[in-house]
């Protein structure tokens, strides 16, 4: 349930805060006063596409903050995102004039897709544009599946699993199928690849060792020159080793007279031994620097071989081994292709038979749901001023031969067919229904969907377009019935609907200090009466009495539902 909505710098609204109740919340006001701005703000905070044009002129940002009563389903999603769940869910969304924005759920930054996943479980917004949504057959099927609920969802999951299995079988059949010549050619290729990789006898770390050897061979002259120079500096007459020994002896000769020289002499002696050891190491390396051209050539050839294998079979040794494993498996499969082909053909037949059976079961679930759904919607339509309404769901037939056309939605499409007048045949929804009839049809559908208990808030944006009189009152009654199960927000221009409000807000446009603002306020009893008078038209005592009568009758009706 939407508890509180705070809006800053959106269109004509500088700041507004609305607190909604659990039942029917109604928004009224003159055309252009800003009712649509409130709904746009709700859409924005729910995750709709951000538009910098919504930022109030003269300001650098807009902000919308919404507080919802959370639910177990919403909290489960929050836990997936490592967001601490709470009884209250706070969503805030900010957009700056330079196009940057921020989104937060309970103070944690989220992406738009994350936000939409959460808000799709909170609010269902219906406006004039949703009429077009329901005219598409694919959307009609989704609606029917939502009515069918968990049984349909489970069958669709089975369909997806069988489709995946069928795809894998077909892929393997493509490998073992075809003519004998095709298989022989493929076997020859695989054998060549397998033999080539196995002959290479690849080892982890080999390439790194070869690269180090190549670097050594390519810089052999520099290495020899450096080692020779180091040897000369260390071992030549008067070099570092001789000099260190001489210094050691000199200090030892005076250590009798100066005790500090004894320690220095010992340190120099140790240094002389270390230098001698280093000199031996340099000489050993120099002796080992025998540049074998054949070894250098072997290293280059091996590196070229490894490069070619990586180019053909993978970027590293692990990838080449993986390729080899796959190639061996395919080779074994093709070697025994005859028997495997028969096995796969049988598996495919069994899988397609099961898939057809599940699709039939899914269709049965849909038909059962459609029978109840269409009956309930038809009864709702009769109370909404379409007494001769007929509504049916037409299903496409399919046979087991159609299994190849199956999708994740199963087999066979559906079409909503409707007739508003007695004696008129049922036709596809989009080809026969008028705008006013469509508004009532959608209300009848929503009245049924609101019993599911999933979504906590329904928003109706002028769904009452094209109706009036007695039908408008019935729409109001439907609204209040829905509002006993879920929270409902409705924008309306009809007094027959506004009179049923549990809480009513008036949106007005005013000029203050040379600027235009949209102001909104919750109406008290007297304010509601005055707004009904405006909606009815005129200000006579007769109109006022009629407005008071509407309010009284609405209260009586609401109490009758308690």
Protein backbone atom coordinates (compact mmCIF):
# COMPACT_ATOMS: atom_id res chain seq x y z
CA UNK A 1 0.00 0.00 0.00
CA UNK A 2 1.20 3.52 -0.86
CA UNK A 3 1.22 5.44 2.43
CA UNK A 4 2.88 8.74 1.58
CA UNK A 5 4.04 10.50 -1.59
CA UNK A 6 6.39 13.50 -1.54
CA UNK A 7 6.97 15.49 -4.72
CA UNK A 8 9.54 18.26 -5.26
CA UNK A 9 9.99 20.40 -8.38
CA UNK A 10 7.95 18.29 -10.78
CA UNK A 11 6.25 20.34 -13.54
CA UNK A 12 4.00 22.90 -11.78
CA UNK A 13 4.48 21.32 -8.35
CA UNK A 14 7.16 22.94 -6.20
CA UNK A 15 6.44 20.74 -3.20
CA UNK A 16 3.56 18.47 -2.27
CA UNK A 17 3.01 15.72 0.26
CA UNK A 18 0.03 13.37 0.08
CA UNK A 19 -0.92 10.77 2.67
CA UNK A 20 -3.17 8.02 1.31
CA UNK A 21 -5.52 5.72 3.16
CA UNK A 22 -6.13 2.01 2.75
CA UNK A 23 -9.37 2.29 0.78
CA UNK A 24 -10.44 4.45 -2.17
CA UNK A 25 -8.35 7.59 -2.70
CA UNK A 26 -9.77 9.98 -5.30
CA UNK A 27 -7.98 12.82 -7.11
CA UNK A 28 -10.16 15.51 -8.67
CA UNK A 29 -9.62 18.95 -10.17
CA UNK A 30 -9.98 20.99 -13.30
CA UNK A 31 -8.37 19.75 -16.50
CA UNK A 32 -4.73 20.89 -16.53
CA UNK A 33 -4.60 21.45 -12.78
CA UNK A 34 -1.91 18.80 -12.27
CA UNK A 35 -3.63 15.47 -11.65
CA UNK A 36 -1.57 13.84 -14.40
CA UNK A 37 1.59 15.29 -12.82
CA UNK A 38 0.90 13.30 -9.67
CA UNK A 39 0.48 10.09 -11.68
CA UNK A 40 3.61 10.90 -13.69
CA UNK A 41 5.47 11.34 -10.41
CA UNK A 42 4.25 7.94 -9.21
CA UNK A 43 5.31 6.38 -12.53
CA UNK A 44 8.72 8.07 -12.14
CA UNK A 45 9.33 6.73 -8.63
CA UNK A 46 8.17 3.27 -9.75
CA UNK A 47 10.88 3.15 -12.42
CA UNK A 48 9.47 4.80 -15.57
CA UNK A 49 11.88 6.37 -18.04
CA UNK A 50 13.31 9.63 -16.68
CA UNK A 51 12.58 12.80 -18.64
CA UNK A 52 14.36 16.05 -17.79
CA UNK A 53 11.31 17.89 -19.13
CA UNK A 54 9.50 16.99 -15.89
CA UNK A 55 11.85 19.19 -13.82
CA UNK A 56 10.13 22.41 -12.75
CA UNK A 57 11.32 25.46 -14.69
CA UNK A 58 13.97 27.43 -12.82
CA UNK A 59 15.13 24.50 -10.66
CA UNK A 60 18.06 22.15 -11.12
CA UNK A 61 16.47 18.87 -9.99
CA UNK A 62 13.28 17.04 -9.14
CA UNK A 63 12.70 14.47 -6.41
CA UNK A 64 9.92 11.99 -5.70
CA UNK A 65 9.75 9.94 -2.51
CA UNK A 66 7.22 7.17 -1.88
CA UNK A 67 6.58 5.15 1.26
CA UNK A 68 4.91 1.77 0.87
CA UNK A 69 3.77 -0.90 3.26
CA UNK A 70 6.10 -3.76 2.39
CA UNK A 71 5.17 -7.43 1.89
CA UNK A 72 6.85 -10.82 2.23
CA UNK A 73 7.27 -11.03 -1.54
CA UNK A 74 8.91 -7.60 -1.73
CA UNK A 75 11.14 -8.33 1.27
CA UNK A 76 12.32 -11.55 -0.40
CA UNK A 77 13.50 -9.53 -3.40
CA UNK A 78 15.18 -6.96 -1.13
CA UNK A 79 17.13 -9.74 0.61
CA UNK A 80 18.39 -10.91 -2.79
CA UNK A 81 19.82 -7.40 -3.24
CA UNK A 82 21.33 -7.41 0.29
CA UNK A 83 18.94 -4.64 1.34
CA UNK A 84 17.62 -4.85 4.89
CA UNK A 85 13.85 -5.49 4.67
CA UNK A 86 11.45 -3.51 6.83
CA UNK A 87 7.72 -3.08 7.37
CA UNK A 88 7.98 0.17 5.39
CA UNK A 89 9.64 0.39 1.99
CA UNK A 90 10.99 3.84 1.12
CA UNK A 91 11.74 4.61 -2.52
CA UNK A 92 13.37 7.89 -3.52
CA UNK A 93 14.33 8.97 -7.02
CA UNK A 94 16.11 12.15 -8.02
CA UNK A 95 16.81 13.60 -11.47
CA UNK A 96 19.06 16.58 -12.14
CA UNK A 97 18.93 19.04 -15.01
CA UNK A 98 22.13 17.60 -16.49
CA UNK A 99 20.48 14.16 -16.79
CA UNK A 100 22.08 12.49 -13.79
CA UNK A 101 19.91 10.64 -11.35
CA UNK A 102 19.87 8.56 -8.21
CA UNK A 103 17.64 5.70 -7.07
CA UNK A 104 17.42 4.39 -3.53
CA UNK A 105 15.48 1.61 -1.81
CA UNK A 106 15.53 1.95 1.98
CA UNK A 107 18.59 4.18 1.58
CA UNK A 108 20.50 1.73 -0.64
CA UNK A 109 21.41 2.71 -4.20
CA UNK A 110 19.85 0.47 -6.86
CA UNK A 111 19.49 0.34 -10.66
CA UNK A 112 16.28 1.01 -12.59
CA UNK A 113 15.87 -2.69 -13.40
CA UNK A 114 16.22 -3.59 -9.71
CA UNK A 115 13.66 -0.91 -8.82
CA UNK A 116 11.17 -2.15 -11.40
CA UNK A 117 11.46 -5.70 -10.14
CA UNK A 118 10.42 -4.51 -6.69
CA UNK A 119 7.71 -2.03 -7.73
CA UNK A 120 6.06 -4.52 -10.10
CA UNK A 121 5.02 -6.31 -6.90
CA UNK A 122 3.64 -3.14 -5.34
CA UNK A 123 1.51 -1.23 -7.83
CA UNK A 124 -0.61 -1.85 -10.91
CA UNK A 125 -1.21 1.32 -12.93
CA UNK A 126 -4.08 1.38 -15.41
CA UNK A 127 -4.73 4.25 -17.77
CA UNK A 128 -6.07 4.85 -21.23
CA UNK A 129 -2.90 3.43 -22.81
CA UNK A 130 -3.52 0.00 -21.27
CA UNK A 131 -6.51 -0.41 -23.59
CA UNK A 132 -4.04 -0.87 -26.45
CA UNK A 133 -1.99 -3.33 -24.39
CA UNK A 134 -4.95 -5.66 -24.04
CA UNK A 135 -5.79 -5.58 -27.75
CA UNK A 136 -2.64 -7.61 -28.52
CA UNK A 137 -3.18 -11.38 -28.51
CA UNK A 138 0.17 -12.08 -26.84
CA UNK A 139 -0.83 -9.84 -23.94
CA UNK A 140 -4.25 -11.51 -23.77
CA UNK A 141 -2.48 -14.85 -23.28
CA UNK A 142 -0.31 -13.41 -20.50
CA UNK A 143 -3.39 -12.01 -18.78
CA UNK A 144 -5.13 -15.37 -19.00
CA UNK A 145 -2.08 -17.11 -17.55
CA UNK A 146 -2.04 -14.64 -14.64
CA UNK A 147 -5.67 -15.58 -14.00
CA UNK A 148 -4.81 -19.30 -14.20
CA UNK A 149 -2.08 -18.70 -11.61
CA UNK A 150 0.40 -21.25 -10.28
CA UNK A 151 -0.96 -24.34 -12.15
CA UNK A 152 -0.31 -22.61 -15.48
CA UNK A 153 3.10 -21.36 -14.30
CA UNK A 154 4.13 -24.91 -13.35
CA UNK A 155 3.06 -26.32 -16.71
CA UNK A 156 4.92 -23.56 -18.54
CA UNK A 157 8.04 -24.47 -16.55
CA UNK A 158 7.60 -28.09 -17.72
CA UNK A 159 7.20 -26.87 -21.31
CA UNK A 160 10.45 -24.89 -21.08
CA UNK A 161 12.33 -27.91 -19.68
CA UNK A 162 11.05 -30.21 -22.43
CA UNK A 163 11.85 -27.63 -25.11
CA UNK A 164 15.41 -27.43 -23.78
CA UNK A 165 15.72 -31.24 -23.82
CA UNK A 166 14.32 -31.35 -27.37
CA UNK A 167 16.84 -28.74 -28.49
CA UNK A 168 19.73 -30.78 -27.06
CA UNK A 169 18.50 -33.96 -28.76
CA UNK A 170 18.16 -32.20 -32.11
CA UNK A 171 21.66 -30.79 -31.77
CA UNK A 172 23.09 -34.26 -31.13
CA UNK A 173 21.04 -35.71 -33.97
CA UNK A 174 22.55 -33.12 -36.27
CA UNK A 175 25.95 -34.53 -35.34
CA UNK A 176 25.17 -38.19 -35.89
CA UNK A 177 22.67 -37.69 -38.70
CA UNK A 178 23.38 -37.11 -42.37
CA UNK A 179 24.76 -39.53 -44.94
CA UNK A 180 27.69 -41.89 -44.47
CA UNK A 181 30.03 -39.73 -46.54
CA UNK A 182 29.33 -36.74 -44.33
CA UNK A 183 30.11 -38.73 -41.18
CA UNK A 184 33.31 -40.15 -42.73
CA UNK A 185 34.56 -36.67 -43.59
CA UNK A 186 33.81 -35.46 -40.09
CA UNK A 187 35.58 -38.47 -38.57
CA UNK A 188 38.68 -37.77 -40.68
CA UNK A 189 38.77 -34.17 -39.48
CA UNK A 190 38.30 -35.14 -35.85
CA UNK A 191 41.00 -37.85 -36.05
CA UNK A 192 43.47 -35.38 -37.52
CA UNK A 193 42.72 -32.83 -34.76
CA UNK A 194 42.93 -35.43 -31.97
CA UNK A 195 46.22 -36.85 -33.27
CA UNK A 196 47.72 -33.39 -33.73
CA UNK A 197 46.96 -32.34 -30.16
CA UNK A 198 48.06 -35.64 -28.65
CA UNK A 199 51.35 -35.63 -30.57
CA UNK A 200 52.08 -32.16 -29.24
CA UNK A 201 52.10 -33.59 -25.69
CA UNK A 202 51.27 -30.20 -24.17
CA UNK A 203 52.30 -29.42 -20.60
CA UNK A 204 51.30 -26.60 -18.31
CA UNK A 205 54.06 -23.98 -17.92
CA UNK A 206 56.02 -25.22 -20.95
CA UNK A 207 55.45 -22.08 -23.00
CA UNK A 208 56.73 -19.83 -20.19
CA UNK A 209 59.93 -21.91 -19.96
CA UNK A 210 60.43 -21.78 -23.73
CA UNK A 211 59.95 -18.02 -23.81
CA UNK A 212 62.59 -17.63 -21.10
CA UNK A 213 65.01 -19.80 -23.10
CA UNK A 214 64.35 -17.81 -26.26
CA UNK A 215 65.04 -14.58 -24.43
CA UNK A 216 68.34 -16.08 -23.19
CA UNK A 217 69.37 -17.23 -26.67
CA UNK A 218 68.49 -13.93 -28.32
CA UNK A 219 70.58 -12.00 -25.77
CA UNK A 220 73.47 -14.45 -25.48
CA UNK A 221 76.12 -11.96 -26.64
CA UNK A 222 75.09 -9.40 -24.06
CA UNK A 223 74.99 -12.05 -21.33
CA UNK A 224 78.50 -13.33 -22.14
CA UNK A 225 79.89 -9.82 -22.31
CA UNK A 226 78.37 -8.91 -18.95
CA UNK A 227 79.56 -12.07 -17.25
CA UNK A 228 83.09 -11.62 -18.61
CA UNK A 229 83.26 -8.05 -17.40
CA UNK A 230 82.01 -9.05 -13.95
CA UNK A 231 84.57 -11.84 -13.78
CA UNK A 232 87.40 -9.48 -14.70
CA UNK A 233 86.36 -6.92 -12.09
CA UNK A 234 86.25 -9.60 -9.44
CA UNK A 235 89.24 -11.86 -10.26
CA UNK A 236 91.78 -9.73 -12.17
CA UNK A 237 95.07 -8.81 -10.40
CA UNK A 238 94.15 -6.03 -8.01
CA UNK A 239 90.48 -6.74 -8.56
CA UNK A 240 87.72 -6.81 -5.99
CA UNK A 241 88.71 -10.19 -4.49
CA UNK A 242 92.43 -9.33 -4.23
CA UNK A 243 91.66 -5.88 -2.84
CA UNK A 244 89.35 -7.28 -0.17
CA UNK A 245 91.92 -9.82 0.95
CA UNK A 246 94.62 -7.11 1.12
CA UNK A 247 92.40 -4.83 3.18
CA UNK A 248 91.63 -7.72 5.53
CA UNK A 249 95.32 -8.34 6.14
CA UNK A 250 96.02 -4.64 6.70
CA UNK A 251 93.36 -4.35 9.39
CA UNK A 252 94.44 -7.60 11.04
CA UNK A 253 97.96 -6.17 11.37
CA UNK A 254 96.80 -3.22 13.47
CA UNK A 255 94.05 -4.91 15.47
CA UNK A 256 96.53 -5.40 18.36
CA UNK A 257 96.68 -1.63 18.75
CA UNK A 258 93.06 -0.79 17.91
CA UNK A 259 90.40 -3.25 19.05
CA UNK A 260 87.76 -1.81 16.62
CA UNK A 261 89.93 -2.89 13.70
CA UNK A 262 89.58 -6.54 14.73
CA UNK A 263 85.82 -6.49 14.11
CA UNK A 264 86.24 -4.68 10.81
CA UNK A 265 88.85 -7.24 9.76
CA UNK A 266 86.44 -10.09 10.50
CA UNK A 267 83.68 -8.45 8.48
CA UNK A 268 86.03 -7.90 5.54
CA UNK A 269 87.15 -11.52 5.74
CA UNK A 270 83.51 -12.67 5.46
CA UNK A 271 83.01 -10.26 2.55
CA UNK A 272 86.07 -11.64 0.83
CA UNK A 273 84.69 -15.16 1.08
CA UNK A 274 81.32 -14.01 -0.32
CA UNK A 275 83.04 -12.23 -3.21
CA UNK A 276 85.08 -15.32 -3.99
CA UNK A 277 81.87 -17.39 -4.03
CA UNK A 278 80.21 -14.85 -6.33
CA UNK A 279 83.22 -14.91 -8.63
CA UNK A 280 83.01 -18.70 -8.83
CA UNK A 281 79.31 -18.39 -9.74
CA UNK A 282 80.08 -15.89 -12.50
CA UNK A 283 82.75 -18.17 -13.94
CA UNK A 284 80.40 -21.16 -13.84
CA UNK A 285 77.69 -19.24 -15.71
CA UNK A 286 80.22 -18.09 -18.24
CA UNK A 287 81.41 -21.64 -18.80
CA UNK A 288 77.78 -22.80 -19.28
CA UNK A 289 77.06 -20.16 -21.92
CA UNK A 290 77.47 -22.56 -24.76
CA UNK A 291 74.94 -21.27 -27.33
CA UNK A 292 73.72 -24.39 -29.11
CA UNK A 293 72.10 -23.19 -32.35
CA UNK A 294 70.17 -26.44 -32.71
CA UNK A 295 68.63 -25.97 -29.24
CA UNK A 296 67.71 -22.39 -30.11
CA UNK A 297 66.06 -23.61 -33.29
CA UNK A 298 64.16 -26.31 -31.35
CA UNK A 299 62.82 -23.67 -28.96
CA UNK A 300 61.62 -21.47 -31.83
CA UNK A 301 59.96 -24.39 -33.61
CA UNK A 302 58.21 -25.53 -30.44
CA UNK A 303 56.93 -22.02 -29.78
CA UNK A 304 55.61 -21.82 -33.34
CA UNK A 305 53.88 -25.18 -32.84
CA UNK A 306 52.23 -23.99 -29.64
CA UNK A 307 51.13 -20.77 -31.32
CA UNK A 308 49.52 -22.69 -34.17
CA UNK A 309 47.71 -25.01 -31.77
CA UNK A 310 46.37 -22.09 -29.76
CA UNK A 311 45.18 -20.39 -32.93
CA UNK A 312 43.29 -23.55 -33.96
CA UNK A 313 42.02 -24.95 -30.70
CA UNK A 314 42.07 -22.38 -27.91
CA UNK A 315 43.89 -19.51 -26.24
CA UNK A 316 45.82 -21.60 -23.73
CA UNK A 317 46.76 -25.18 -22.85
CA UNK A 318 43.61 -25.67 -20.75
CA UNK A 319 41.40 -24.60 -23.66
CA UNK A 320 43.23 -26.94 -26.05
CA UNK A 321 42.74 -29.87 -23.66
CA UNK A 322 39.03 -28.97 -23.40
CA UNK A 323 38.80 -28.98 -27.20
CA UNK A 324 40.52 -32.37 -27.28
CA UNK A 325 38.06 -33.82 -24.76
CA UNK A 326 35.10 -32.57 -26.79
CA UNK A 327 36.58 -33.84 -30.06
CA UNK A 328 37.18 -37.30 -28.57
CA UNK A 329 33.58 -37.44 -27.33
CA UNK A 330 32.25 -36.47 -30.77
CA UNK A 331 34.58 -38.99 -32.47
CA UNK A 332 33.31 -41.78 -30.20
CA UNK A 333 29.75 -40.68 -30.87
CA UNK A 334 30.17 -40.72 -34.65
CA UNK A 335 32.00 -44.03 -34.53
CA UNK A 336 28.89 -45.56 -33.00
CA UNK A 337 26.50 -43.22 -34.83
CA UNK A 338 24.12 -45.87 -36.13
CA UNK A 339 23.06 -47.14 -32.72
CA UNK A 340 23.10 -43.66 -31.19
CA UNK A 341 20.96 -42.28 -34.01
CA UNK A 342 18.26 -44.81 -33.22
CA UNK A 343 18.47 -44.00 -29.50
CA UNK A 344 18.17 -40.25 -30.15
CA UNK A 345 15.30 -40.71 -32.57
CA UNK A 346 13.43 -42.65 -29.90
CA UNK A 347 14.29 -40.02 -27.25
CA UNK A 348 13.06 -37.25 -29.55
CA UNK A 349 9.79 -39.03 -30.17
CA UNK A 350 9.25 -39.58 -26.44
CA UNK A 351 10.17 -35.99 -25.59
CA UNK A 352 7.86 -34.53 -28.24
CA UNK A 353 5.05 -36.79 -27.08
CA UNK A 354 5.50 -35.57 -23.49
CA UNK A 355 5.75 -31.98 -24.72
CA UNK A 356 2.47 -32.33 -26.60
CA UNK A 357 0.85 -33.81 -23.50
CA UNK A 358 2.02 -30.95 -21.27
CA UNK A 359 0.85 -28.39 -23.86
CA UNK A 360 -2.59 -30.04 -23.83
CA UNK A 361 -2.64 -29.93 -20.04
CA UNK A 362 -1.65 -26.24 -20.13
CA UNK A 363 -4.40 -25.53 -22.64
CA UNK A 364 -6.85 -27.35 -20.37
CA UNK A 365 -5.82 -25.21 -17.41
CA UNK A 366 -6.23 -22.08 -19.52
CA UNK A 367 -9.65 -23.13 -20.77
CA UNK A 368 -10.83 -23.86 -17.25
CA UNK A 369 -9.52 -20.49 -16.04
CA UNK A 370 -11.04 -18.74 -19.08
CA UNK A 371 -14.47 -20.24 -18.39
CA UNK A 372 -14.57 -18.84 -14.88
CA UNK A 373 -12.86 -15.57 -15.85
CA UNK A 374 -15.10 -14.74 -18.80
CA UNK A 375 -18.20 -15.58 -16.80
CA UNK A 376 -17.16 -13.29 -13.95
CA UNK A 377 -16.16 -10.44 -16.29
CA UNK A 378 -19.44 -10.79 -18.20
CA UNK A 379 -21.43 -10.49 -14.97
CA UNK A 380 -19.40 -7.41 -14.02
CA UNK A 381 -20.09 -5.87 -17.44
CA UNK A 382 -23.82 -6.37 -17.02
CA UNK A 383 -23.75 -4.35 -13.81
CA UNK A 384 -21.67 -1.70 -15.61
CA UNK A 385 -24.40 -0.89 -18.08
CA UNK A 386 -23.74 -3.48 -20.78
CA UNK A 387 -26.60 -5.90 -20.05
CA UNK A 388 -26.18 -7.91 -23.27
CA UNK A 389 -22.40 -8.25 -22.94
CA UNK A 390 -20.80 -11.49 -24.04
CA UNK A 391 -17.13 -12.25 -23.56
CA UNK A 392 -15.33 -15.41 -24.60
CA UNK A 393 -11.76 -16.61 -25.09
CA UNK A 394 -11.15 -18.38 -28.40
CA UNK A 395 -8.41 -21.02 -28.41
CA UNK A 396 -6.44 -22.22 -31.43
CA UNK A 397 -6.56 -25.97 -32.05
CA UNK A 398 -3.31 -27.92 -32.36
CA UNK A 399 -2.20 -31.50 -32.91
CA UNK A 400 0.92 -33.47 -32.10
CA UNK A 401 2.23 -32.59 -35.55
CA UNK A 402 2.46 -28.97 -34.37
CA UNK A 403 4.97 -29.77 -31.60
CA UNK A 404 7.78 -28.26 -33.67
CA UNK A 405 6.02 -24.88 -33.36
CA UNK A 406 5.88 -25.00 -29.56
CA UNK A 407 7.34 -22.04 -27.66
CA UNK A 408 7.84 -21.32 -23.98
CA UNK A 409 4.17 -20.29 -23.96
CA UNK A 410 3.10 -23.74 -25.16
CA UNK A 411 1.02 -24.41 -28.26
CA UNK A 412 -1.94 -22.52 -29.64
CA UNK A 413 -2.80 -18.86 -29.22
CA UNK A 414 -5.86 -17.18 -27.74
CA UNK A 415 -8.10 -14.31 -28.75
CA UNK A 416 -10.50 -12.29 -26.63
CA UNK A 417 -13.85 -12.04 -28.41
CA UNK A 418 -16.56 -9.62 -27.35
CA UNK A 419 -20.06 -8.47 -28.19
CA UNK A 420 -21.80 -5.59 -26.43
CA UNK A 421 -25.19 -5.87 -28.13
CA UNK A 422 -27.81 -8.60 -28.35
CA UNK A 423 -27.97 -10.29 -31.72
CA UNK A 424 -24.46 -9.17 -32.67
CA UNK A 425 -21.83 -11.88 -33.22
CA UNK A 426 -18.71 -12.18 -31.11
CA UNK A 427 -15.73 -10.46 -32.74
CA UNK A 428 -12.12 -9.84 -31.83
CA UNK A 429 -11.88 -7.30 -29.04
CA UNK A 430 -10.13 -4.58 -31.02
CA UNK A 431 -12.55 -4.76 -33.94
CA UNK A 432 -15.79 -4.13 -32.08
CA UNK A 433 -15.37 -2.48 -28.68
CA UNK A 434 -15.84 1.28 -28.25
CA UNK A 435 -13.82 3.56 -25.99
CA UNK A 436 -16.45 3.74 -23.26
CA UNK A 437 -17.06 0.00 -23.44
CA UNK A 438 -13.32 -0.61 -23.26
CA UNK A 439 -13.08 1.43 -20.05
CA UNK A 440 -15.81 -0.67 -18.47
CA UNK A 441 -14.30 -3.88 -19.83
CA UNK A 442 -10.96 -3.03 -18.24
CA UNK A 443 -12.63 -2.19 -14.94
CA UNK A 444 -14.43 -5.55 -15.00
CA UNK A 445 -11.09 -7.30 -15.67
CA UNK A 446 -9.34 -5.39 -12.88
CA UNK A 447 -12.17 -6.21 -10.50
CA UNK A 448 -11.40 -9.90 -11.05
CA UNK A 449 -7.61 -9.57 -10.92
CA UNK A 450 -7.72 -7.61 -7.66
CA UNK A 451 -8.86 -10.76 -5.87
CA UNK A 452 -5.45 -12.38 -6.39
CA UNK A 453 -4.00 -10.61 -3.35
CA UNK A 454 -0.57 -9.97 -4.88
CA UNK A 455 -0.51 -6.29 -5.81
CA UNK A 456 -1.30 -3.92 -2.93
CA UNK A 457 -2.19 -0.77 -4.87
CA UNK A 458 -4.26 -0.21 -8.02
CA UNK A 459 -4.16 3.14 -9.82
CA UNK A 460 -6.88 4.11 -12.31
CA UNK A 461 -6.23 7.13 -14.51
CA UNK A 462 -9.60 8.39 -15.81
CA UNK A 463 -10.79 4.87 -16.54
CA UNK A 464 -14.32 6.35 -16.35
CA UNK A 465 -13.87 8.13 -19.72
CA UNK A 466 -16.91 7.79 -21.97
CA UNK A 467 -19.43 6.90 -19.26
CA UNK A 468 -21.92 8.76 -17.10
CA UNK A 469 -25.27 8.60 -15.36
CA UNK A 470 -26.24 5.32 -13.74
CA UNK A 471 -23.24 3.53 -15.21
CA UNK A 472 -20.91 6.02 -13.53
CA UNK A 473 -22.47 5.23 -10.17
CA UNK A 474 -22.00 1.50 -10.77
CA UNK A 475 -18.35 2.19 -11.61
CA UNK A 476 -18.07 3.98 -8.27
CA UNK A 477 -19.57 0.97 -6.53
CA UNK A 478 -17.07 -1.29 -8.30
CA UNK A 479 -14.25 0.98 -7.20
CA UNK A 480 -15.30 0.79 -3.56
CA UNK A 481 -15.63 -3.00 -3.75
CA UNK A 482 -12.12 -3.28 -5.17
CA UNK A 483 -10.90 -0.85 -2.51
CA UNK A 484 -12.09 -3.24 0.21
CA UNK A 485 -9.48 -5.74 -1.03
CA UNK A 486 -6.65 -3.48 -2.20
CA UNK A 487 -5.76 0.18 -1.97
CA UNK A 488 -7.12 2.13 -4.92
CA UNK A 489 -6.12 5.54 -6.32
CA UNK A 490 -8.42 6.98 -8.96
CA UNK A 491 -8.41 10.16 -11.03
CA UNK A 492 -11.96 11.11 -12.02
CA UNK A 493 -14.12 13.96 -13.32
CA UNK A 494 -17.38 12.30 -12.26
CA UNK A 495 -19.29 13.20 -9.11
CA UNK A 496 -20.93 9.76 -9.11
CA UNK A 497 -17.46 8.24 -8.50
CA UNK A 498 -15.87 10.93 -6.32
CA UNK A 499 -18.70 10.62 -3.79
CA UNK A 500 -17.47 7.12 -2.87
CA UNK A 501 -13.99 8.30 -1.85
CA UNK A 502 -12.60 7.29 1.53
CA UNK A 503 -10.15 10.17 1.09
CA UNK A 504 -10.32 12.86 -1.57
CA UNK A 505 -7.67 15.27 -2.80
CA UNK A 506 -8.34 18.42 -4.80
CA UNK A 507 -5.68 19.55 -7.26
CA UNK A 508 -5.83 23.25 -8.18
CA UNK A 509 -3.70 25.54 -10.32
CA UNK A 510 -2.86 28.96 -8.87
CA UNK A 511 -0.72 31.97 -9.69
CA UNK A 512 1.53 33.22 -6.90
CA UNK A 513 4.12 35.94 -7.33
CA UNK A 514 3.88 35.82 -11.12
CA UNK A 515 4.42 32.05 -11.21
CA UNK A 516 2.00 29.17 -11.68
CA UNK A 517 1.81 26.38 -9.13
CA UNK A 518 -0.22 23.22 -8.70
CA UNK A 519 -1.57 22.96 -5.18
CA UNK A 520 -3.23 19.91 -3.65
CA UNK A 521 -5.08 19.47 -0.42
CA UNK A 522 -7.08 16.79 1.30
CA UNK A 523 -10.72 17.76 1.42
CA UNK A 524 -12.78 17.72 4.59
CA UNK A 525 -16.52 17.02 4.58
CA UNK A 526 -17.45 20.55 3.51
CA UNK A 527 -14.70 20.61 0.90
CA UNK A 528 -15.93 17.33 -0.60
CA UNK A 529 -19.45 18.72 -0.85
CA UNK A 530 -18.19 21.84 -2.64
CA UNK A 531 -16.10 19.76 -5.05
CA UNK A 532 -19.08 17.54 -5.88
CA UNK A 533 -21.10 20.66 -6.61
CA UNK A 534 -18.38 21.77 -9.03
CA UNK A 535 -18.22 18.36 -10.69
CA UNK A 536 -22.00 18.25 -11.14
CA UNK A 537 -22.02 21.78 -12.56
CA UNK A 538 -23.64 24.92 -11.21
CA UNK A 539 -24.09 26.16 -7.69
CA UNK A 540 -27.82 26.15 -7.12
CA UNK A 541 -29.44 24.76 -4.03
CA UNK A 542 -30.80 21.94 -6.16
CA UNK A 543 -27.27 20.98 -7.24
CA UNK A 544 -26.02 21.24 -3.66
CA UNK A 545 -28.85 19.01 -2.47
CA UNK A 546 -28.04 16.50 -5.21
CA UNK A 547 -24.36 16.50 -4.16
CA UNK A 548 -25.33 15.91 -0.53
CA UNK A 549 -27.62 13.10 -1.63
CA UNK A 550 -24.75 11.44 -3.56
CA UNK A 551 -22.54 11.55 -0.49
CA UNK A 552 -25.25 10.13 1.75
CA UNK A 553 -26.09 7.31 -0.64
CA UNK A 554 -22.39 6.48 -1.00
CA UNK A 555 -22.00 6.23 2.78
CA UNK A 556 -25.01 3.93 3.00
CA UNK A 557 -23.59 1.72 0.26
CA UNK A 558 -20.15 1.54 1.89
CA UNK A 559 -21.68 0.58 5.23
CA UNK A 560 -23.66 -2.17 3.50
CA UNK A 561 -20.33 -3.76 2.47
CA UNK A 562 -18.96 -3.83 6.00
